[in-house]
Amino acid sequence: RAGAAVREVPIRFVDRVEGESKMSTFIVVEALTLVTWWGALRAAGALRRRWRAA
């Protein structure tokens, strides 16, 4: 309508054959820390609910 042209551009995903991971050590440590923290919070909540029910 405004004179603009729409065109499709293909996206190519190239598999990595060799080399280092793009995931840094910081990202791995952060993920492990968060998952552990979430598990601890969930377990603490379950214990609290159990204790109140008794």
Protein backbone atom coordinates (compact mmCIF):
# COMPACT_ATOMS: atom_id res chain seq x y z
CA ARG A 1 0.00 0.00 0.00
CA ALA A 2 2.71 2.48 0.89
CA GLY A 3 5.00 1.35 -1.90
CA ALA A 4 7.04 -1.05 0.26
CA ALA A 5 8.02 -4.45 -1.09
CA VAL A 6 7.92 -7.58 1.05
CA ARG A 7 10.46 -10.27 0.32
CA GLU A 8 11.24 -13.60 1.99
CA VAL A 9 14.81 -14.21 3.04
CA PRO A 10 15.76 -17.82 3.88
CA ILE A 11 17.45 -18.50 7.21
CA ARG A 12 20.29 -21.01 7.09
CA PHE A 13 21.25 -22.99 10.18
CA VAL A 14 24.73 -24.45 9.85
CA ASP A 15 25.51 -27.37 12.16
CA ARG A 16 28.68 -27.03 14.15
CA VAL A 17 31.09 -29.86 13.33
CA GLU A 18 33.95 -29.00 15.64
CA GLY A 19 34.76 -26.32 18.13
CA GLU A 20 33.78 -24.93 21.47
CA SER A 21 30.29 -24.62 22.83
CA LYS A 22 28.64 -21.24 22.58
CA MET A 23 27.44 -21.70 26.15
CA SER A 24 29.79 -20.00 28.59
CA THR A 25 30.78 -21.41 31.97
CA PHE A 26 28.86 -18.55 33.60
CA ILE A 27 25.62 -19.61 31.89
CA VAL A 28 26.07 -23.22 33.04
CA VAL A 29 26.80 -22.18 36.64
CA GLU A 30 23.85 -19.77 36.61
CA ALA A 31 21.49 -22.47 35.35
CA LEU A 32 22.65 -25.03 37.93
CA THR A 33 22.36 -22.44 40.72
CA LEU A 34 18.85 -21.40 39.73
CA VAL A 35 17.57 -24.96 39.33
CA THR A 36 19.03 -25.92 42.72
CA TRP A 37 17.53 -22.80 44.34
CA TRP A 38 14.09 -23.49 42.85
CA GLY A 39 14.25 -27.10 44.08
CA ALA A 40 15.22 -25.97 47.58
CA LEU A 41 12.34 -23.47 47.68
CA ARG A 42 9.91 -26.13 46.51
CA ALA A 43 11.14 -28.62 49.13
CA ALA A 44 10.96 -26.00 51.87
CA GLY A 45 7.38 -25.16 50.88
CA ALA A 46 6.42 -28.84 50.98
CA LEU A 47 7.97 -29.24 54.44
CA ARG A 48 6.20 -26.12 55.69
CA ARG A 49 2.83 -27.37 54.42
CA ARG A 50 3.45 -30.77 56.00
CA TRP A 51 4.40 -29.21 59.33
CA ARG A 52 1.30 -26.98 59.39
CA ALA A 53 -0.98 -29.91 58.55
CA ALA A 54 0.31 -31.97 61.47
